[in-house]
Amino acid sequence: MELFGITLTEWVGYAASLGVLLSFLMKDIKKLRMVNSVGCALFVAYGFMLDISWPVVITNLAILGVNGYYFLKG
């Protein structure tokens, strides 16, 4: 499936990149972690859509874990 000549996999990758980029514009650390987590979750999906790109999946799962830890901690 393509929209404007861009595959669904690429759209997910662009959305993930946008989420991570936007998180760095946040001043509130909780908002930063929440937006960054959405970006990371999209990157995990993207990694699986690339016939399982383990470096992308593992790195972003680790970042999701760190965000989750600090988000729940406090």
Protein backbone atom coordinates (compact mmCIF):
# COMPACT_ATOMS: atom_id res chain seq x y z
CA MET A 1 0.00 0.00 0.00
CA GLU A 2 1.36 3.41 -0.96
CA LEU A 3 0.22 6.96 -0.39
CA PHE A 4 1.98 9.69 -2.38
CA GLY A 5 4.49 7.05 -3.49
CA ILE A 6 5.47 6.31 0.12
CA THR A 7 4.95 2.84 1.57
CA LEU A 8 3.20 2.21 4.88
CA THR A 9 6.52 1.10 6.35
CA GLU A 10 8.12 4.41 5.40
CA TRP A 11 5.17 6.36 6.85
CA VAL A 12 5.63 4.55 10.16
CA GLY A 13 9.35 5.38 10.06
CA TYR A 14 8.64 9.06 9.36
CA ALA A 15 6.04 9.20 12.14
CA ALA A 16 8.50 7.59 14.54
CA SER A 17 11.20 10.09 13.62
CA LEU A 18 8.77 12.97 14.06
CA GLY A 19 7.72 11.70 17.48
CA VAL A 20 11.30 11.46 18.71
CA LEU A 21 12.17 14.85 17.22
CA LEU A 22 9.14 16.52 18.81
CA SER A 23 10.01 15.04 22.20
CA PHE A 24 13.23 17.06 22.24
CA LEU A 25 11.22 20.26 21.94
CA MET A 26 9.38 19.57 25.20
CA LYS A 27 10.28 21.43 28.38
CA ASP A 28 8.14 19.28 30.68
CA ILE A 29 10.06 16.04 31.28
CA LYS A 30 6.86 13.97 31.62
CA LYS A 31 5.59 15.22 28.26
CA LEU A 32 9.02 14.57 26.77
CA ARG A 33 9.01 10.98 28.00
CA MET A 34 5.44 10.39 26.81
CA VAL A 35 6.01 11.78 23.31
CA ASN A 36 9.38 10.05 23.06
CA SER A 37 7.75 6.77 24.09
CA VAL A 38 5.22 7.08 21.27
CA GLY A 39 8.09 7.66 18.84
CA CYS A 40 10.00 4.69 20.22
CA ALA A 41 6.94 2.44 20.03
CA LEU A 42 6.53 3.46 16.39
CA PHE A 43 10.21 2.67 15.81
CA VAL A 44 9.68 -0.80 17.30
CA ALA A 45 6.78 -1.34 14.87
CA TYR A 46 8.96 0.04 12.06
CA GLY A 47 11.76 -2.35 12.99
CA PHE A 48 9.40 -5.30 12.70
CA MET A 49 8.02 -3.99 9.42
CA LEU A 50 11.58 -4.04 8.02
CA ASP A 51 11.66 -7.84 8.31
CA ILE A 52 12.82 -7.45 11.89
CA SER A 53 15.66 -4.99 12.11
CA TRP A 54 16.92 -6.09 15.52
CA PRO A 55 19.12 -3.02 16.16
CA VAL A 56 16.09 -0.73 15.70
CA VAL A 57 13.79 -2.97 17.76
CA ILE A 58 16.21 -3.61 20.65
CA THR A 59 17.39 -0.02 20.98
CA ASN A 60 13.89 1.41 21.02
CA LEU A 61 12.55 -1.24 23.40
CA ALA A 62 15.39 -0.31 25.76
CA ILE A 63 14.55 3.39 25.50
CA LEU A 64 10.87 2.57 26.09
CA GLY A 65 11.91 0.70 29.23
CA VAL A 66 13.95 3.65 30.49
CA ASN A 67 11.10 6.07 29.76
CA GLY A 68 8.62 3.77 31.47
CA TYR A 69 10.83 3.39 34.53
CA TYR A 70 11.26 7.13 35.04
CA PHE A 71 7.66 7.91 34.09
CA LEU A 72 6.27 5.49 36.69
CA LYS A 73 8.92 6.40 39.28
CA GLY A 74 7.97 9.89 39.53
